[in-house]
Amino acid sequence: MTTTLAERWGIDQKHFWMHGEQPAHPVRFDEARKLWTVSGYQEAVQVIGDPQRFSSNLLPLMPIDVDPALTDGNLIQMDPPGHRELRTLVSHAFTRKVVADLEPRIAAVTGELLDEVAGQDRFDLVTALAYPLPVIVIAELLGVPASDQQLFKQWADALFASQSELSMNEDDLAAQEADMTEQNQPAAEMGEYLLAHAAERRRKPRADLLTKLVEAEVDGKQLTDAQLTNFASLLLLAGHVTTTMVLGNTVLCLDAHPDQLARLRADRALLPAAIEESVRFMTPFTALYRATTTEAEIAGRRIPEKQIVTVQLAAANRDPRQWADPMAFDITRDPNPHLGFGRGIHFCLGAPLARLEGRVALNLLLDRFPALRTDPTAPLKFMPSPDAMGVSELTLLTS
């Protein structure tokens, strides 16, 4: 019996798409979790492209008590027009032109980080490069000390440590409440940290995103402390976690497909496409959630009003109705309209930055280490969150 790549990597069966499986129907009710799931590509596009019927604000339907202040200002959980107003405040910092100007700095940081592992016969990619690079870049953009990166990692690890999925089943509520309780402290600590830096910006403004948020007004009013800290927290976390996963996953995929790695080494112009294929093949954030505001019909299934819908982006990115040979990792795949960075009004704000960081870092990594490969004797570790797919440890051999 042939061992699949997912089995070799030790990926749990809950990530069924990695095992070449797809549900019989692209829209179904999950009896175990008491919510709806959408796994088909076209169906996913339909849901995430319709914020009027499928709201990002889940609070009214959450089975456990959540303090509204914890989500106020969090773009991921906002609908128009509030979402558009807040997103506009910082969108200028993530345009293609502005991001392109960061390339020399990204290259310099990457070079410095790789210098630190020069001469070593092995190193952990996440510790050496995939984590610190995007943290340094987003910290400098936001205006907080990059030297605090270990603190950021503690918060990120704690906030992504939950192993329980969102569920409306009463039997699962205790686990979800326990996870929420454990996340309260790191979230509060991060909020206090960012508020302290925001207070400093009010006294001494700088040319950074935190100053922009402090000075911003929406409908003639400044952001509340909750809005400011939730927005800044999202920028800090999403601004590095996505790139960390993309870098690690791309190296892992290329190592598992030596023919594709050889093509890339021979033609570096394929690198942007290789990154896109990695995001499709191992979608970093595997799912997002919506709440129906009215009855909605998707693929012939009627979803009632006030229902939680999980959109399985990773499964949609393997839908055989959309992709030719979806289980193949093909760096020449074109077109590749994956949903790994979302779609529509919630398209990942930092996608241009993640793509640039990935291209620059991987180019330099391949330059420095012509014989780079994974260590078959080292355990491969993934992030524990059920809605994330990214390596947390990846030991590489340099010769």
Protein backbone atom coordinates (compact mmCIF):
# COMPACT_ATOMS: atom_id res chain seq x y z
CA MET A 1 0.00 0.00 0.00
CA THR A 2 1.42 3.39 -1.07
CA THR A 3 1.99 5.91 1.72
CA THR A 4 0.57 9.32 0.87
CA LEU A 5 2.49 12.53 1.42
CA ALA A 6 0.02 13.55 4.14
CA GLU A 7 0.58 10.24 5.95
CA ARG A 8 4.35 10.60 5.69
CA TRP A 9 4.11 14.08 7.16
CA GLY A 10 1.79 12.86 9.94
CA ILE A 11 -1.10 15.13 9.00
CA ASP A 12 -4.32 14.41 10.88
CA GLN A 13 -7.33 13.01 8.99
CA LYS A 14 -9.35 16.08 9.97
CA HIS A 15 -7.42 17.79 7.16
CA PHE A 16 -9.16 15.40 4.75
CA TRP A 17 -8.22 17.40 1.65
CA MET A 18 -4.55 16.65 2.26
CA HIS A 19 -5.40 12.94 2.00
CA GLY A 20 -7.09 13.30 -1.39
CA GLU A 21 -10.60 13.12 0.02
CA GLN A 22 -13.58 15.34 -0.75
CA PRO A 23 -17.15 15.26 0.66
CA ALA A 24 -19.89 13.80 -1.52
CA HIS A 25 -21.57 17.21 -1.65
CA PRO A 26 -19.85 20.63 -1.56
CA VAL A 27 -22.38 21.98 0.96
CA ARG A 28 -23.45 19.91 3.93
CA PHE A 29 -24.57 20.10 7.53
CA ASP A 30 -21.97 18.79 9.97
CA GLU A 31 -23.96 16.85 12.54
CA ALA A 32 -21.03 16.55 14.93
CA ARG A 33 -20.37 20.30 15.08
CA LYS A 34 -23.97 21.43 14.40
CA LEU A 35 -22.96 23.90 11.70
CA TRP A 36 -22.77 24.07 7.91
CA THR A 37 -19.63 23.42 5.88
CA VAL A 38 -18.81 24.58 2.38
CA SER A 39 -15.92 22.74 0.72
CA GLY A 40 -16.47 23.33 -3.00
CA TYR A 41 -14.53 26.03 -4.83
CA GLN A 42 -17.37 27.82 -6.62
CA GLU A 43 -19.56 27.54 -3.53
CA ALA A 44 -16.80 29.04 -1.36
CA VAL A 45 -16.40 31.94 -3.80
CA GLN A 46 -20.15 32.51 -3.64
CA VAL A 47 -20.22 32.62 0.16
CA ILE A 48 -17.21 34.84 0.79
CA GLY A 49 -18.27 37.16 -2.00
CA ASP A 50 -21.68 37.86 -0.44
CA PRO A 51 -21.25 39.73 2.88
CA GLN A 52 -24.92 40.73 2.91
CA ARG A 53 -26.15 37.16 3.32
CA PHE A 54 -23.01 35.74 4.92
CA SER A 55 -21.82 38.04 7.69
CA SER A 56 -18.33 38.00 9.21
CA ASN A 57 -19.76 39.01 12.58
CA LEU A 58 -20.32 35.76 14.45
CA LEU A 59 -20.85 37.24 17.92
CA PRO A 60 -24.68 37.10 17.92
CA LEU A 61 -24.56 33.35 17.24
CA MET A 62 -21.58 32.30 19.32
CA PRO A 63 -22.45 29.45 21.73
CA ILE A 64 -20.14 30.88 24.40
CA ASP A 65 -19.97 34.35 25.91
CA VAL A 66 -17.45 36.61 24.19
CA ASP A 67 -16.74 40.15 25.33
CA PRO A 68 -17.64 42.39 22.34
CA ALA A 69 -14.64 44.58 23.21
CA LEU A 70 -12.37 41.68 22.24
CA THR A 71 -13.54 41.83 18.61
CA ASP A 72 -14.33 45.54 18.16
CA GLY A 73 -11.99 46.78 15.43
CA ASN A 74 -10.99 43.29 14.28
CA LEU A 75 -11.29 43.47 10.47
CA ILE A 76 -11.76 39.72 10.14
CA GLN A 77 -15.05 39.91 12.03
CA MET A 78 -16.44 43.09 10.48
CA ASP A 79 -18.89 43.79 7.65
CA PRO A 80 -19.35 46.87 5.45
CA PRO A 81 -19.42 49.78 5.89
CA GLY A 82 -17.35 49.60 9.10
CA HIS A 83 -14.95 47.10 7.58
CA ARG A 84 -14.22 49.35 4.60
CA GLU A 85 -13.69 52.42 6.77
CA LEU A 86 -11.14 50.71 9.03
CA ARG A 87 -9.35 48.87 6.23
CA THR A 88 -8.90 52.12 4.33
CA LEU A 89 -6.96 53.57 7.27
CA VAL A 90 -3.95 51.33 6.62
CA SER A 91 -4.46 49.98 3.10
CA HIS A 92 -1.98 52.53 1.73
CA ALA A 93 0.82 50.76 3.60
CA PHE A 94 0.20 47.48 1.78
CA THR A 95 -0.19 48.61 -1.84
CA ARG A 96 2.04 46.88 -4.38
CA LYS A 97 4.16 50.00 -4.90
CA VAL A 98 4.74 50.68 -1.21
CA VAL A 99 5.46 47.01 -0.52
CA ALA A 100 7.88 46.85 -3.47
CA ASP A 101 9.93 49.61 -1.86
CA LEU A 102 10.49 47.28 1.12
CA GLU A 103 12.44 44.76 -0.96
CA PRO A 104 15.94 46.09 -0.08
CA ARG A 105 15.12 45.98 3.64
CA ILE A 106 13.64 42.47 3.37
CA ALA A 107 16.74 41.30 1.50
CA ALA A 108 19.04 42.86 4.09
CA VAL A 109 17.20 41.25 7.03
CA THR A 110 17.16 37.89 5.25
CA GLY A 111 20.89 38.13 4.61
CA GLU A 112 21.60 38.93 8.25
CA LEU A 113 19.48 36.01 9.46
CA LEU A 114 21.13 33.57 7.06
CA ASP A 115 24.56 34.82 8.11
CA GLU A 116 23.75 33.55 11.61
CA VAL A 117 23.39 29.95 10.38
CA ALA A 118 26.27 30.07 7.89
CA GLY A 119 28.61 27.15 8.41
CA GLN A 120 26.07 25.06 10.32
CA ASP A 121 25.30 21.59 9.01
CA ARG A 122 21.64 21.94 10.02
CA PHE A 123 19.17 24.52 11.30
CA ASP A 124 15.47 24.96 12.00
CA LEU A 125 13.99 27.05 9.20
CA VAL A 126 11.21 28.50 11.36
CA THR A 127 13.51 29.65 14.17
CA ALA A 128 16.25 30.90 11.85
CA LEU A 129 14.25 32.63 9.11
CA ALA A 130 10.54 31.96 8.62
CA TYR A 131 9.53 33.49 11.96
CA PRO A 132 11.98 36.36 12.58
CA LEU A 133 11.95 37.81 9.05
CA PRO A 134 8.24 38.73 8.85
CA VAL A 135 8.16 39.73 12.53
CA ILE A 136 10.97 42.23 12.04
CA VAL A 137 9.33 43.67 8.91
CA ILE A 138 5.83 44.06 10.36
CA ALA A 139 7.20 45.39 13.68
CA GLU A 140 9.08 48.10 11.82
CA LEU A 141 6.00 48.98 9.76
CA LEU A 142 3.76 49.08 12.82
CA GLY A 143 6.33 50.93 14.89
CA VAL A 144 7.03 48.54 17.76
CA PRO A 145 10.50 47.25 18.70
CA ALA A 146 11.53 44.25 16.61
CA SER A 147 13.70 43.30 19.59
CA ASP A 148 10.47 42.24 21.33
CA GLN A 149 9.98 39.43 18.81
CA GLN A 150 10.26 36.71 21.46
CA LEU A 151 7.37 38.35 23.29
CA PHE A 152 5.32 38.40 20.07
CA LYS A 153 6.07 34.70 19.57
CA GLN A 154 4.83 33.84 23.05
CA TRP A 155 1.55 35.61 22.36
CA ALA A 156 1.15 34.10 18.89
CA ASP A 157 1.92 30.58 20.12
CA ALA A 158 -0.64 30.95 22.92
CA LEU A 159 -3.34 32.39 20.66
CA PHE A 160 -2.87 29.67 18.03
CA ALA A 161 -2.50 26.83 20.54
CA SER A 162 -6.19 25.90 20.57
CA GLN A 163 -6.84 22.42 19.23
CA SER A 164 -10.64 22.66 19.35
CA GLU A 165 -12.69 23.63 16.32
CA LEU A 166 -15.55 26.09 16.45
CA SER A 167 -18.62 24.01 17.20
CA MET A 168 -22.25 24.69 17.99
CA ASN A 169 -22.61 21.32 19.69
CA GLU A 170 -23.30 21.68 23.41
CA ASP A 171 -20.95 18.77 24.12
CA ASP A 172 -18.03 20.86 22.82
CA LEU A 173 -18.75 24.05 24.73
CA ALA A 174 -16.59 23.25 27.76
CA ALA A 175 -13.48 22.77 25.61
CA GLN A 176 -14.15 25.99 23.72
CA GLU A 177 -14.67 27.96 26.91
CA ALA A 178 -11.42 26.57 28.31
CA ASP A 179 -9.58 27.65 25.16
CA MET A 180 -11.11 31.11 25.37
CA THR A 181 -10.03 31.45 28.99
CA GLU A 182 -6.46 30.45 28.14
CA GLN A 183 -6.34 33.00 25.31
CA ASN A 184 -7.63 35.89 27.41
CA GLN A 185 -4.34 36.52 29.20
CA PRO A 186 -2.01 36.70 26.15
CA ALA A 187 -4.61 38.78 24.29
CA ALA A 188 -4.83 41.19 27.24
CA GLU A 189 -1.05 41.41 27.54
CA MET A 190 -0.69 42.19 23.85
CA GLY A 191 -3.43 44.82 24.10
CA GLU A 192 -1.72 46.52 27.05
CA TYR A 193 1.61 46.46 25.22
CA LEU A 194 0.14 48.10 22.11
CA LEU A 195 -1.81 50.67 24.14
CA ALA A 196 1.40 51.71 25.86
CA HIS A 197 3.08 52.29 22.51
CA ALA A 198 -0.04 54.09 21.24
CA ALA A 199 0.12 56.45 24.22
CA GLU A 200 3.72 57.23 23.32
CA ARG A 201 2.65 58.02 19.73
CA ARG A 202 0.13 60.52 20.99
CA ARG A 203 3.00 62.32 22.69
CA LYS A 204 5.57 61.80 19.94
CA PRO A 205 4.07 60.88 16.54
CA ARG A 206 6.21 58.93 14.08
CA ALA A 207 5.95 57.81 10.47
CA ASP A 208 4.48 54.39 11.27
CA LEU A 209 1.15 52.55 11.20
CA LEU A 210 0.56 52.86 14.93
CA THR A 211 0.71 56.65 14.66
CA LYS A 212 -1.69 56.43 11.72
CA LEU A 213 -4.18 54.49 13.86
CA VAL A 214 -3.79 56.86 16.81
CA GLU A 215 -4.50 59.89 14.61
CA ALA A 216 -7.23 58.27 12.49
CA GLU A 217 -10.87 59.26 12.63
CA VAL A 218 -13.92 57.35 11.49
CA ASP A 219 -17.11 59.40 11.22
CA GLY A 220 -15.32 62.23 13.01
CA LYS A 221 -14.36 60.08 15.99
CA GLN A 222 -11.01 58.63 16.95
CA LEU A 223 -10.68 54.89 17.41
CA THR A 224 -11.50 53.60 20.86
CA ASP A 225 -8.78 51.80 22.81
CA ALA A 226 -10.45 48.47 22.00
CA GLN A 227 -10.63 49.22 18.28
CA LEU A 228 -7.04 50.40 18.18
CA THR A 229 -5.59 47.44 20.05
CA ASN A 230 -7.66 44.82 18.18
CA PHE A 231 -6.74 46.34 14.83
CA ALA A 232 -3.05 46.65 15.73
CA SER A 233 -3.02 43.13 17.19
CA LEU A 234 -4.41 41.75 13.95
CA LEU A 235 -1.75 43.57 11.93
CA LEU A 236 1.01 42.30 14.20
CA LEU A 237 -0.18 38.68 14.26
CA ALA A 238 -1.48 38.21 10.72
CA GLY A 239 1.42 40.30 9.44
CA HIS A 240 3.91 37.60 10.39
CA VAL A 241 2.11 34.29 10.95
CA THR A 242 0.97 34.00 7.33
CA THR A 243 4.47 34.52 5.93
CA THR A 244 5.96 32.14 8.49
CA MET A 245 3.63 29.40 7.27
CA VAL A 246 4.10 30.22 3.58
CA LEU A 247 7.90 30.06 3.84
CA GLY A 248 7.93 26.81 5.79
CA ASN A 249 5.27 25.15 3.66
CA THR A 250 6.93 26.12 0.38
CA VAL A 251 10.29 24.67 1.43
CA LEU A 252 8.55 21.50 2.64
CA CYS A 253 6.62 21.10 -0.62
CA LEU A 254 9.69 21.66 -2.78
CA ASP A 255 11.69 19.16 -0.74
CA ALA A 256 8.93 16.56 -1.19
CA HIS A 257 8.90 17.17 -4.95
CA PRO A 258 12.54 17.16 -6.09
CA ASP A 259 11.56 17.45 -9.76
CA GLN A 260 9.80 20.74 -8.99
CA LEU A 261 12.74 21.96 -6.89
CA ALA A 262 15.13 21.18 -9.76
CA ARG A 263 12.96 23.16 -12.17
CA LEU A 264 12.91 26.09 -9.77
CA ARG A 265 16.67 26.04 -9.24
CA ALA A 266 17.10 26.04 -13.01
CA ASP A 267 14.63 28.88 -13.55
CA ARG A 268 14.13 31.28 -10.65
CA ALA A 269 11.45 33.11 -12.63
CA LEU A 270 9.16 30.27 -11.50
CA LEU A 271 9.47 31.28 -7.83
CA PRO A 272 6.34 33.50 -7.63
CA ALA A 273 4.29 30.68 -9.18
CA ALA A 274 5.87 28.17 -6.79
CA ILE A 275 4.74 30.28 -3.84
CA GLU A 276 1.20 30.52 -5.22
CA GLU A 277 1.09 26.75 -5.71
CA SER A 278 2.33 26.24 -2.16
CA VAL A 279 -0.51 28.45 -0.85
CA ARG A 280 -3.00 26.36 -2.85
CA PHE A 281 -1.46 22.99 -1.98
CA MET A 282 -0.99 23.75 1.74
CA THR A 283 -3.39 26.61 2.44
CA PRO A 284 -2.07 28.37 5.59
CA PHE A 285 -5.44 29.35 7.06
CA THR A 286 -7.62 26.42 6.11
CA ALA A 287 -11.04 27.81 6.99
CA LEU A 288 -13.01 30.93 7.74
CA TYR A 289 -16.46 31.39 9.24
CA ARG A 290 -19.62 33.24 8.31
CA ALA A 291 -23.10 33.70 9.81
CA THR A 292 -26.21 33.67 7.63
CA THR A 293 -28.33 36.81 7.92
CA THR A 294 -31.16 35.27 5.91
CA GLU A 295 -32.00 31.93 4.33
CA ALA A 296 -29.54 31.22 1.54
CA GLU A 297 -29.37 28.54 -1.12
CA ILE A 298 -25.94 27.26 -2.14
CA ALA A 299 -25.48 24.35 -4.57
CA GLY A 300 -29.11 23.35 -4.12
CA ARG A 301 -28.90 23.26 -0.32
CA ARG A 302 -30.96 25.71 1.72
CA ILE A 303 -29.12 27.10 4.72
CA PRO A 304 -31.49 28.70 7.25
CA GLU A 305 -31.06 32.14 8.77
CA LYS A 306 -28.78 32.51 11.81
CA GLN A 307 -26.53 29.56 11.03
CA ILE A 308 -22.75 29.32 11.32
CA VAL A 309 -21.07 28.38 8.04
CA THR A 310 -17.45 27.26 7.85
CA VAL A 311 -15.85 27.84 4.47
CA GLN A 312 -13.11 25.25 4.03
CA LEU A 313 -10.68 27.20 1.87
CA ALA A 314 -8.10 24.42 1.83
CA ALA A 315 -10.65 21.88 0.59
CA ALA A 316 -11.87 24.34 -2.06
CA ASN A 317 -8.28 24.68 -3.23
CA ARG A 318 -8.30 20.91 -3.93
CA ASP A 319 -11.75 20.76 -5.59
CA PRO A 320 -11.36 18.48 -8.65
CA ARG A 321 -14.17 20.40 -10.38
CA GLN A 322 -11.90 23.47 -10.38
CA TRP A 323 -8.38 22.05 -10.56
CA ALA A 324 -6.77 19.61 -12.94
CA ASP A 325 -4.95 16.97 -10.87
CA PRO A 326 -5.54 18.86 -7.58
CA MET A 327 -3.31 16.52 -5.55
CA ALA A 328 -0.27 17.36 -7.66
CA PHE A 329 2.18 20.06 -6.59
CA ASP A 330 2.90 21.85 -9.86
CA ILE A 331 4.87 25.10 -9.82
CA THR A 332 3.89 25.79 -13.44
CA ARG A 333 0.15 25.66 -12.69
CA ASP A 334 -1.51 28.49 -14.60
CA PRO A 335 -4.00 29.91 -13.96
CA ASN A 336 -3.99 29.39 -10.21
CA PRO A 337 -6.90 31.36 -8.71
CA HIS A 338 -6.57 29.82 -5.26
CA LEU A 339 -8.42 31.11 -2.20
CA GLY A 340 -5.43 30.88 0.13
CA PHE A 341 -5.43 34.64 0.69
CA GLY A 342 -9.23 34.89 0.69
CA ARG A 343 -11.31 36.73 -1.86
CA GLY A 344 -13.42 39.88 -2.10
CA ILE A 345 -13.56 42.54 0.61
CA HIS A 346 -11.67 40.33 3.06
CA PHE A 347 -8.82 39.51 0.69
CA CYS A 348 -5.66 39.36 2.80
CA LEU A 349 -4.42 42.90 3.29
CA GLY A 350 -0.84 41.70 3.65
CA ALA A 351 -0.81 39.32 0.66
CA PRO A 352 1.55 41.53 -1.42
CA LEU A 353 3.94 41.70 1.53
CA ALA A 354 3.79 37.94 2.18
CA ARG A 355 4.47 37.23 -1.49
CA LEU A 356 7.43 39.61 -1.58
CA GLU A 357 8.92 38.26 1.65
CA GLY A 358 8.52 34.74 0.33
CA ARG A 359 10.16 35.49 -3.02
CA VAL A 360 13.12 37.39 -1.55
CA ALA A 361 13.74 34.95 1.30
CA LEU A 362 13.46 31.79 -0.80
CA ASN A 363 15.69 33.21 -3.53
CA LEU A 364 18.44 33.98 -1.03
CA LEU A 365 17.93 30.65 0.73
CA LEU A 366 18.42 28.75 -2.54
CA ASP A 367 21.47 30.89 -3.36
CA ARG A 368 23.14 30.25 -0.02
CA PHE A 369 22.40 26.53 0.19
CA PRO A 370 22.61 24.63 -3.13
CA ALA A 371 22.14 21.26 -1.40
CA LEU A 372 19.45 22.25 1.12
CA ARG A 373 17.08 19.46 2.13
CA THR A 374 14.94 18.38 5.08
CA ASP A 375 16.45 16.19 7.79
CA PRO A 376 14.69 12.79 7.58
CA THR A 377 15.67 11.99 11.17
CA ALA A 378 14.11 15.13 12.69
CA PRO A 379 10.43 15.18 13.63
CA LEU A 380 8.21 17.37 11.50
CA LYS A 381 5.92 19.55 13.62
CA PHE A 382 2.84 21.51 12.57
CA MET A 383 0.90 24.28 14.27
CA PRO A 384 -1.77 22.73 16.54
CA SER A 385 -4.66 24.95 15.43
CA PRO A 386 -7.24 22.97 13.41
CA ASP A 387 -7.79 25.99 11.15
CA ALA A 388 -4.09 26.41 10.29
CA MET A 389 -1.72 24.38 8.17
CA GLY A 390 1.87 25.37 8.74
CA VAL A 391 5.08 23.85 10.01
CA SER A 392 6.24 25.03 13.41
CA GLU A 393 9.55 23.16 13.20
CA LEU A 394 11.39 22.18 10.02
CA THR A 395 14.99 21.00 10.39
CA LEU A 396 17.09 21.46 7.24
CA LEU A 397 20.41 19.94 6.29
CA THR A 398 22.78 22.26 4.45
CA SER A 399 24.95 19.63 2.74
